[in-house]
């Protein structure tokens, strides 16, 4: 059973702020040793070729979703979060202050191994940035945060200018890059993975929402996602081209029951509408792509389904989407829609079949108890329907798949993006 993990963070990341409120309790529950590892996020971004201000590269819909997700995460933890003016604020000196305090308090050996001595000051700096709106890039702002933690600011600010701590922050940033870190927060667990994988000595997790995977890897108990069948309807927007839509759709009926309303859409057309890349995966850094491949397998294990990356990617899914719309629109066939959707996703993401091949789609329809040849022959009838469905997804604020829209008939429906947001959609 694992008993060690590290928390890699920069003060400028709101998701790392959220994670900072959970890592100590996680360590206590699992009996694991927690190592606290600050690094400079800008240095990691430069190494990965990523824009320094990620918010400026997002579509308006995704940027709005990120703000909602930050607030939802804060509400789930019961902590305040206020987007500060001027974000992102430079955190170089604040991170150095943490390292100076850590060494002076803990001594060289413990500072290197654990870094626990910096936890109270870390929380004070996070609060200054993400609650009080203090500019911690200035000595005045840092003084306010440091004294708020009951510490003397002068020696720490002076120490932050020393050569050794500048080198130390660079070293820790390089260490994060070598571990495969591409963003914050990141967690590294020594030993087995979330489902007992032991092929590697360590496993990297990215994002505060992967803390359940970290806990599982540390030998902790993580409850299964419970079914929530009561409540308003939930639209499930998907395209067969997305592996995470495959996982989300695989879990949606089990978790949401008859509340589900299936909503096919053409993801490529949606990406064009929001002026995003047609294949977002290809824009990610090699480090992020490598991690996503592992995370896909972990999410598949969580969903209880197999997954295999198709030999042809991106896949063309216009034909199966049109056929699915025909089935959903026909009252005499609609009761077979669940079976058809599951069969088509399996064809792409398990069996490596070509969804653009009419014979393949006809055979999948037959397997689902539907007239395959007839539906494929009529598929052009759904051309306008697929166009309209994708426009409707755009109007909902969707920017990727899967997207879950809770209570779509309400004045203010709630949108959740990603297979990993299904639990939040179920709670909503």
Protein backbone atom coordinates (compact mmCIF):
# COMPACT_ATOMS: atom_id res chain seq x y z
CA UNK A 1 0.00 0.00 0.00
CA UNK A 2 1.40 3.39 -0.98
CA UNK A 3 2.28 5.86 1.69
CA UNK A 4 3.80 8.82 -0.16
CA UNK A 5 2.61 11.48 -2.61
CA UNK A 6 3.62 14.96 -3.65
CA UNK A 7 1.55 18.08 -4.32
CA UNK A 8 3.00 20.34 -7.05
CA UNK A 9 1.50 23.83 -7.23
CA UNK A 10 1.79 27.49 -8.11
CA UNK A 11 -0.15 30.13 -6.19
CA UNK A 12 -1.53 31.61 -9.45
CA UNK A 13 -3.68 28.53 -10.24
CA UNK A 14 -7.23 28.55 -8.83
CA UNK A 15 -7.52 24.77 -9.12
CA UNK A 16 -4.32 24.37 -7.10
CA UNK A 17 -5.89 26.69 -4.52
CA UNK A 18 -8.85 24.32 -4.32
CA UNK A 19 -6.57 21.29 -4.05
CA UNK A 20 -4.64 22.96 -1.22
CA UNK A 21 -7.79 22.68 0.89
CA UNK A 22 -8.02 18.92 0.36
CA UNK A 23 -4.52 17.41 0.28
CA UNK A 24 -3.84 17.42 4.00
CA UNK A 25 -7.11 15.67 4.82
CA UNK A 26 -6.40 13.14 2.06
CA UNK A 27 -2.98 12.43 3.54
CA UNK A 28 -4.52 11.95 6.97
CA UNK A 29 -7.24 9.59 5.68
CA UNK A 30 -4.76 7.40 3.85
CA UNK A 31 -1.85 7.64 6.26
CA UNK A 32 0.33 8.86 3.39
CA UNK A 33 3.35 11.16 3.66
CA UNK A 34 2.63 14.44 1.88
CA UNK A 35 5.45 16.31 0.15
CA UNK A 36 4.68 19.95 -0.74
CA UNK A 37 6.42 21.06 -3.96
CA UNK A 38 5.97 24.65 -5.22
CA UNK A 39 7.04 25.36 -8.80
CA UNK A 40 6.80 28.20 -11.28
CA UNK A 41 3.87 27.50 -13.60
CA UNK A 42 5.15 29.96 -16.21
CA UNK A 43 8.37 27.97 -16.45
CA UNK A 44 6.45 24.77 -17.06
CA UNK A 45 4.30 26.49 -19.68
CA UNK A 46 7.39 27.77 -21.47
CA UNK A 47 8.91 24.29 -21.48
CA UNK A 48 5.67 22.86 -22.90
CA UNK A 49 5.19 25.64 -25.46
CA UNK A 50 1.92 26.76 -23.85
CA UNK A 51 0.61 30.34 -23.73
CA UNK A 52 1.40 32.06 -20.43
CA UNK A 53 -2.17 33.36 -20.09
CA UNK A 54 -4.32 30.34 -20.92
CA UNK A 55 -7.54 32.29 -20.39
CA UNK A 56 -6.72 34.41 -23.41
CA UNK A 57 -6.65 31.33 -25.66
CA UNK A 58 -10.08 29.97 -24.66
CA UNK A 59 -13.36 30.38 -26.49
CA UNK A 60 -15.90 32.56 -24.62
CA UNK A 61 -18.00 29.47 -23.85
CA UNK A 62 -15.08 27.54 -22.39
CA UNK A 63 -13.82 30.56 -20.44
CA UNK A 64 -17.29 31.00 -18.92
CA UNK A 65 -17.40 27.30 -18.09
CA UNK A 66 -14.03 27.48 -16.35
CA UNK A 67 -15.30 30.27 -14.10
CA UNK A 68 -18.38 28.21 -13.26
CA UNK A 69 -16.22 25.18 -12.52
CA UNK A 70 -13.99 27.17 -10.17
CA UNK A 71 -17.01 28.33 -8.20
CA UNK A 72 -18.57 24.87 -8.16
CA UNK A 73 -15.32 23.42 -6.87
CA UNK A 74 -15.12 26.07 -4.16
CA UNK A 75 -18.74 25.48 -3.14
CA UNK A 76 -18.16 21.71 -2.94
CA UNK A 77 -15.22 22.32 -0.57
CA UNK A 78 -17.01 25.06 1.36
CA UNK A 79 -14.30 27.66 0.69
CA UNK A 80 -14.49 31.18 -0.78
CA UNK A 81 -13.01 31.98 -4.19
CA UNK A 82 -12.94 35.41 -5.81
CA UNK A 83 -11.29 35.98 -9.20
CA UNK A 84 -8.77 38.73 -8.42
CA UNK A 85 -8.27 41.80 -10.60
CA UNK A 86 -5.19 41.52 -12.74
CA UNK A 87 -5.11 37.71 -12.73
CA UNK A 88 -2.70 36.08 -13.40
CA UNK A 89 -0.46 37.87 -10.91
CA UNK A 90 3.29 37.17 -10.84
CA UNK A 91 4.08 34.73 -8.03
CA UNK A 92 7.86 34.33 -8.37
CA UNK A 93 8.74 36.18 -5.17
CA UNK A 94 5.86 34.65 -3.21
CA UNK A 95 7.07 31.15 -4.14
CA UNK A 96 10.60 32.06 -3.10
CA UNK A 97 9.26 33.35 0.23
CA UNK A 98 7.66 29.94 0.78
CA UNK A 99 10.95 28.18 0.13
CA UNK A 100 12.89 30.53 2.42
CA UNK A 101 10.40 30.03 5.26
CA UNK A 102 10.40 26.28 4.72
CA UNK A 103 14.19 25.95 5.00
CA UNK A 104 14.46 28.28 7.98
CA UNK A 105 11.70 26.45 9.83
CA UNK A 106 12.33 22.83 8.92
CA UNK A 107 16.03 22.69 8.14
CA UNK A 108 17.64 21.50 4.94
CA UNK A 109 16.79 17.78 5.12
CA UNK A 110 13.09 18.07 5.99
CA UNK A 111 12.60 21.04 3.68
CA UNK A 112 13.82 18.93 0.76
CA UNK A 113 11.90 15.78 1.70
CA UNK A 114 8.54 17.12 2.80
CA UNK A 115 8.08 20.88 2.79
CA UNK A 116 5.30 20.63 5.37
CA UNK A 117 6.63 23.66 7.23
CA UNK A 118 5.40 25.90 4.43
CA UNK A 119 1.76 24.78 4.68
CA UNK A 120 0.44 27.56 7.00
CA UNK A 121 2.16 30.28 4.95
CA UNK A 122 0.99 28.63 1.72
CA UNK A 123 -2.61 28.86 2.94
CA UNK A 124 -2.10 32.51 3.92
CA UNK A 125 -0.71 33.36 0.47
CA UNK A 126 -3.51 31.49 -1.27
CA UNK A 127 -6.06 33.35 0.80
CA UNK A 128 -4.43 36.67 -0.04
CA UNK A 129 -4.57 35.87 -3.77
CA UNK A 130 -7.90 34.01 -4.12
CA UNK A 131 -10.05 35.50 -1.36
CA UNK A 132 -8.78 38.94 -0.34
CA UNK A 133 -7.59 40.14 -3.76
CA UNK A 134 -4.14 41.11 -2.48
CA UNK A 135 -1.44 41.69 -5.09
CA UNK A 136 1.23 39.27 -3.86
CA UNK A 137 3.59 40.32 -6.63
CA UNK A 138 4.44 43.39 -4.51
CA UNK A 139 6.34 43.60 -1.25
CA UNK A 140 3.36 45.40 0.29
CA UNK A 141 1.00 42.59 -0.64
CA UNK A 142 3.44 39.92 0.49
CA UNK A 143 3.95 41.72 3.80
CA UNK A 144 0.20 41.73 4.38
CA UNK A 145 -0.07 38.00 3.67
CA UNK A 146 3.03 37.03 5.68
CA UNK A 147 2.01 39.03 8.73
CA UNK A 148 -1.48 37.58 8.42
CA UNK A 149 0.17 34.19 8.98
CA UNK A 150 1.75 35.53 12.17
CA UNK A 151 5.26 35.76 10.66
CA UNK A 152 7.80 38.54 10.34
CA UNK A 153 7.90 39.74 6.74
CA UNK A 154 11.28 41.52 6.57
CA UNK A 155 13.61 38.51 6.83
CA UNK A 156 11.52 36.44 4.41
CA UNK A 157 11.39 39.21 1.80
CA UNK A 158 15.13 39.74 2.10
CA UNK A 159 15.78 36.01 1.89
CA UNK A 160 13.73 35.79 -1.28
CA UNK A 161 16.38 37.84 -3.08
CA UNK A 162 19.23 35.46 -2.21
CA UNK A 163 20.82 33.45 -5.01
CA UNK A 164 20.23 30.04 -3.45
CA UNK A 165 16.44 30.40 -3.36
CA UNK A 166 16.31 31.59 -6.97
CA UNK A 167 18.24 28.48 -7.93
CA UNK A 168 15.99 26.35 -5.73
CA UNK A 169 12.79 27.54 -7.42
CA UNK A 170 14.32 26.87 -10.83
CA UNK A 171 15.39 23.42 -9.68
CA UNK A 172 11.92 22.54 -8.42
CA UNK A 173 10.38 23.77 -11.66
CA UNK A 174 12.83 21.63 -13.65
CA UNK A 175 11.98 18.70 -11.38
CA UNK A 176 8.28 19.13 -12.16
CA UNK A 177 8.99 19.19 -15.89
CA UNK A 178 11.07 16.01 -15.61
CA UNK A 179 8.16 14.32 -13.83
CA UNK A 180 5.90 15.16 -16.77
CA UNK A 181 4.02 18.00 -15.07
CA UNK A 182 2.37 20.33 -17.61
CA UNK A 183 -0.02 22.28 -15.38
CA UNK A 184 -1.24 22.76 -11.84
CA UNK A 185 -2.12 21.21 -9.54
CA UNK A 186 -0.23 17.99 -10.11
CA UNK A 187 0.17 15.01 -7.81
CA UNK A 188 2.76 12.26 -7.99
CA UNK A 189 2.09 8.97 -6.21
CA UNK A 190 4.98 6.61 -5.59
CA UNK A 191 4.21 2.99 -6.44
CA UNK A 192 0.96 1.56 -7.72
CA UNK A 193 -1.71 3.34 -9.73
CA UNK A 194 -5.41 3.81 -8.92
CA UNK A 195 -6.32 0.27 -9.96
CA UNK A 196 -3.23 -1.49 -8.71
CA UNK A 197 -1.00 -0.83 -11.74
CA UNK A 198 2.61 -1.47 -10.78
CA UNK A 199 4.37 -1.14 -14.12
CA UNK A 200 5.82 2.22 -13.08
CA UNK A 201 7.48 3.54 -9.94
CA UNK A 202 5.29 6.64 -9.90
CA UNK A 203 2.03 7.95 -11.35
CA UNK A 204 1.19 11.54 -12.26
CA UNK A 205 -2.27 13.03 -11.79
CA UNK A 206 -3.32 16.48 -12.98
CA UNK A 207 -6.16 18.62 -11.64
CA UNK A 208 -7.92 18.91 -8.30
CA UNK A 209 -10.72 16.72 -9.65
CA UNK A 210 -8.27 13.79 -9.88
CA UNK A 211 -7.86 13.65 -6.11
CA UNK A 212 -10.19 10.62 -5.94
CA UNK A 213 -7.75 8.78 -8.24
CA UNK A 214 -4.88 9.87 -5.99
CA UNK A 215 -6.75 8.58 -2.95
CA UNK A 216 -7.45 5.28 -4.64
CA UNK A 217 -3.77 4.93 -5.58
CA UNK A 218 -2.84 5.57 -1.94
CA UNK A 219 -5.05 2.69 -0.85
CA UNK A 220 -8.00 4.82 0.25
CA UNK A 221 -11.66 3.98 -0.22
CA UNK A 222 -13.49 5.93 -2.94
CA UNK A 223 -17.26 5.31 -3.12
CA UNK A 224 -18.83 4.43 -6.44
CA UNK A 225 -20.93 7.08 -8.18
CA UNK A 226 -24.47 6.50 -6.95
CA UNK A 227 -27.50 6.58 -9.23
CA UNK A 228 -29.69 9.69 -8.88
CA UNK A 229 -32.90 8.97 -10.75
CA UNK A 230 -35.11 11.72 -9.31
CA UNK A 231 -35.03 15.28 -10.58
CA UNK A 232 -35.21 17.27 -13.81
CA UNK A 233 -34.21 15.89 -17.22
CA UNK A 234 -30.58 16.01 -18.37
CA UNK A 235 -29.52 16.50 -21.97
CA UNK A 236 -26.45 14.45 -22.88
CA UNK A 237 -24.70 16.01 -25.87
CA UNK A 238 -22.23 13.70 -27.61
CA UNK A 239 -20.38 12.75 -30.77
CA UNK A 240 -19.00 9.28 -31.45
CA UNK A 241 -15.63 10.91 -32.23
CA UNK A 242 -14.89 11.65 -28.55
CA UNK A 243 -13.46 8.98 -26.25
CA UNK A 244 -14.64 10.87 -23.19
CA UNK A 245 -18.15 11.07 -24.65
CA UNK A 246 -17.98 7.28 -24.96
CA UNK A 247 -17.23 7.05 -21.24
CA UNK A 248 -19.80 9.68 -20.24
CA UNK A 249 -22.55 8.10 -22.31
CA UNK A 250 -21.64 4.66 -20.93
CA UNK A 251 -22.28 5.94 -17.40
CA UNK A 252 -25.10 8.42 -18.01
CA UNK A 253 -28.05 6.02 -18.20
CA UNK A 254 -26.83 4.06 -15.19
CA UNK A 255 -26.41 7.22 -13.11
CA UNK A 256 -29.27 9.39 -14.39
CA UNK A 257 -31.82 6.75 -15.40
CA UNK A 258 -34.79 7.87 -17.46
CA UNK A 259 -33.90 11.53 -16.99
CA UNK A 260 -31.48 11.24 -19.93
CA UNK A 261 -32.25 12.98 -23.21
CA UNK A 262 -29.78 11.89 -25.89
CA UNK A 263 -28.50 14.80 -28.01
CA UNK A 264 -26.17 13.88 -30.89
CA UNK A 265 -24.11 16.73 -32.38
CA UNK A 266 -21.25 17.08 -34.88
CA UNK A 267 -18.25 18.03 -32.77
CA UNK A 268 -16.13 19.28 -35.67
CA UNK A 269 -18.85 21.70 -36.73
CA UNK A 270 -19.20 22.88 -33.13
CA UNK A 271 -15.44 23.51 -32.94
CA UNK A 272 -15.70 25.59 -36.12
CA UNK A 273 -18.57 27.59 -34.66
CA UNK A 274 -16.55 28.50 -31.57
CA UNK A 275 -13.42 29.07 -33.71
CA UNK A 276 -11.47 26.39 -31.90
CA UNK A 277 -9.05 23.76 -33.21
CA UNK A 278 -10.75 20.91 -35.07
CA UNK A 279 -8.70 18.32 -33.16
CA UNK A 280 -7.88 19.87 -29.76
CA UNK A 281 -5.78 16.87 -28.74
CA UNK A 282 -3.25 17.68 -31.45
CA UNK A 283 -2.67 21.15 -29.95
CA UNK A 284 -1.64 19.79 -26.54
CA UNK A 285 1.97 19.46 -25.42
CA UNK A 286 3.56 15.99 -25.64
CA UNK A 287 3.53 15.79 -21.84
CA UNK A 288 -0.21 16.47 -21.69
CA UNK A 289 -0.95 14.03 -24.51
CA UNK A 290 1.01 11.31 -22.72
CA UNK A 291 -0.87 11.93 -19.49
CA UNK A 292 -4.27 12.01 -21.22
CA UNK A 293 -3.65 8.55 -22.64
CA UNK A 294 -3.17 7.20 -19.11
CA UNK A 295 -6.07 9.22 -17.72
CA UNK A 296 -8.38 7.86 -20.44
CA UNK A 297 -7.61 4.34 -19.28
CA UNK A 298 -8.17 5.29 -15.64
CA UNK A 299 -11.52 6.89 -16.48
CA UNK A 300 -12.48 3.79 -18.46
CA UNK A 301 -11.69 1.62 -15.45
CA UNK A 302 -13.85 3.90 -13.34
CA UNK A 303 -16.68 3.62 -15.89
CA UNK A 304 -16.30 -0.15 -16.08
CA UNK A 305 -15.85 -0.31 -19.86
CA UNK A 306 -12.96 -1.28 -22.17
CA UNK A 307 -11.31 1.31 -24.41
CA UNK A 308 -8.86 1.10 -27.30
CA UNK A 309 -7.58 4.05 -29.29
CA UNK A 310 -8.74 3.68 -32.93
CA UNK A 311 -6.20 3.24 -35.71
CA UNK A 312 -7.91 6.08 -37.62
CA UNK A 313 -8.19 9.34 -35.71
CA UNK A 314 -9.89 11.72 -35.97
CA UNK A 315 -12.82 9.55 -37.01
CA UNK A 316 -15.62 10.68 -39.34
CA UNK A 317 -18.97 10.32 -37.61
CA UNK A 318 -21.52 12.14 -39.80
CA UNK A 319 -23.19 8.89 -40.90
CA UNK A 320 -23.72 7.32 -37.46
CA UNK A 321 -24.90 10.66 -36.04
CA UNK A 322 -27.50 11.03 -38.80
CA UNK A 323 -28.70 7.46 -38.29
CA UNK A 324 -28.96 8.06 -34.54
CA UNK A 325 -31.08 11.15 -35.13
CA UNK A 326 -33.41 9.16 -37.40
CA UNK A 327 -33.89 6.57 -34.67
CA UNK A 328 -34.50 9.15 -31.93
CA UNK A 329 -37.07 10.95 -34.10
CA UNK A 330 -39.10 7.80 -34.87
CA UNK A 331 -41.42 6.74 -32.00
CA UNK A 332 -41.49 3.18 -33.35
CA UNK A 333 -37.68 2.93 -33.14
CA UNK A 334 -36.70 5.24 -30.29
CA UNK A 335 -36.83 2.50 -27.65
CA UNK A 336 -33.75 0.98 -29.35
CA UNK A 337 -31.75 4.22 -29.21
CA UNK A 338 -29.83 3.25 -26.04
CA UNK A 339 -28.74 -0.01 -27.61
CA UNK A 340 -27.75 1.68 -30.87
CA UNK A 341 -25.72 4.44 -29.19
CA UNK A 342 -23.87 1.92 -27.05
CA UNK A 343 -23.20 -0.31 -30.06
CA UNK A 344 -21.85 2.54 -32.19
CA UNK A 345 -19.55 3.81 -29.44
CA UNK A 346 -18.24 0.29 -28.93
CA UNK A 347 -17.58 -0.06 -32.65
CA UNK A 348 -15.33 3.01 -32.62
CA UNK A 349 -13.68 2.87 -29.18
CA UNK A 350 -13.34 -0.87 -28.61
CA UNK A 351 -13.48 -2.68 -31.94
CA UNK A 352 -11.63 -0.13 -34.11
CA UNK A 353 -14.33 -0.18 -36.82
CA UNK A 354 -14.74 2.66 -39.32
CA UNK A 355 -17.85 4.73 -38.50
CA UNK A 356 -17.77 6.25 -42.00
CA UNK A 357 -18.35 2.81 -43.57
CA UNK A 358 -22.05 2.28 -44.45
CA UNK A 359 -21.75 -1.50 -44.05
CA UNK A 360 -20.33 -1.09 -40.55
CA UNK A 361 -23.13 1.24 -39.48
CA UNK A 362 -25.81 -1.01 -41.00
CA UNK A 363 -24.38 -3.99 -39.11
CA UNK A 364 -24.35 -2.00 -35.84
CA UNK A 365 -28.01 -1.09 -36.38
CA UNK A 366 -28.84 -4.73 -37.00
CA UNK A 367 -27.07 -5.69 -33.76
CA UNK A 368 -29.24 -3.15 -31.91
CA UNK A 369 -32.44 -4.64 -33.35
CA UNK A 370 -32.91 -1.94 -35.99
CA UNK A 371 -33.26 -2.08 -39.79
CA UNK A 372 -29.68 -1.19 -40.66
CA UNK A 373 -29.75 -1.08 -44.44
CA UNK A 374 -32.92 1.00 -44.45
CA UNK A 375 -31.59 3.52 -41.92
CA UNK A 376 -28.27 3.94 -43.70
CA UNK A 377 -30.14 4.42 -46.97
CA UNK A 378 -32.25 7.18 -45.40
CA UNK A 379 -29.35 8.88 -43.59
CA UNK A 380 -29.30 11.93 -45.88
CA UNK A 381 -32.80 12.75 -44.64
CA UNK A 382 -31.18 13.71 -41.32
CA UNK A 383 -28.64 16.14 -42.81
CA UNK A 384 -30.62 19.20 -41.75
CA UNK A 385 -31.43 17.64 -38.38
CA UNK A 386 -27.74 17.17 -37.59
CA UNK A 387 -27.00 20.75 -38.61
CA UNK A 388 -29.83 22.00 -36.37
CA UNK A 389 -28.73 19.79 -33.48
CA UNK A 390 -25.21 21.19 -33.62
CA UNK A 391 -26.54 24.74 -33.71
CA UNK A 392 -28.66 23.92 -30.66
CA UNK A 393 -25.59 22.60 -28.83
CA UNK A 394 -23.79 25.85 -29.60
CA UNK A 395 -26.77 27.83 -28.34
CA UNK A 396 -26.68 25.82 -25.11
CA UNK A 397 -23.09 26.97 -24.58
CA UNK A 398 -21.54 23.59 -25.36
CA UNK A 399 -17.94 23.61 -26.58
CA UNK A 400 -17.02 19.93 -26.31
CA UNK A 401 -18.29 16.45 -25.60
CA UNK A 402 -19.77 15.08 -23.53
CA UNK A 403 -21.80 18.00 -22.25
CA UNK A 404 -24.55 17.51 -19.68
CA UNK A 405 -27.28 20.14 -19.50
CA UNK A 406 -29.31 19.82 -16.31
CA UNK A 407 -32.93 21.01 -16.39
CA UNK A 408 -32.75 22.20 -20.03
CA UNK A 409 -36.29 23.59 -19.93
CA UNK A 410 -35.51 25.90 -17.02
CA UNK A 411 -34.79 29.60 -17.42
CA UNK A 412 -31.14 29.00 -16.47
CA UNK A 413 -30.12 25.42 -17.32
CA UNK A 414 -26.77 24.24 -15.93
CA UNK A 415 -24.07 22.93 -18.28
CA UNK A 416 -21.32 20.51 -17.21
CA UNK A 417 -18.57 19.48 -19.61
CA UNK A 418 -16.66 16.22 -19.52
CA UNK A 419 -17.15 12.64 -18.39
CA UNK A 420 -15.51 13.61 -15.12
CA UNK A 421 -18.28 16.19 -14.51
CA UNK A 422 -21.06 13.59 -14.52
CA UNK A 423 -20.98 13.38 -10.69
CA UNK A 424 -21.47 17.15 -10.46
CA UNK A 425 -24.30 17.01 -12.99
CA UNK A 426 -25.94 14.23 -10.96
CA UNK A 427 -25.68 16.32 -7.78
CA UNK A 428 -27.20 19.29 -9.59
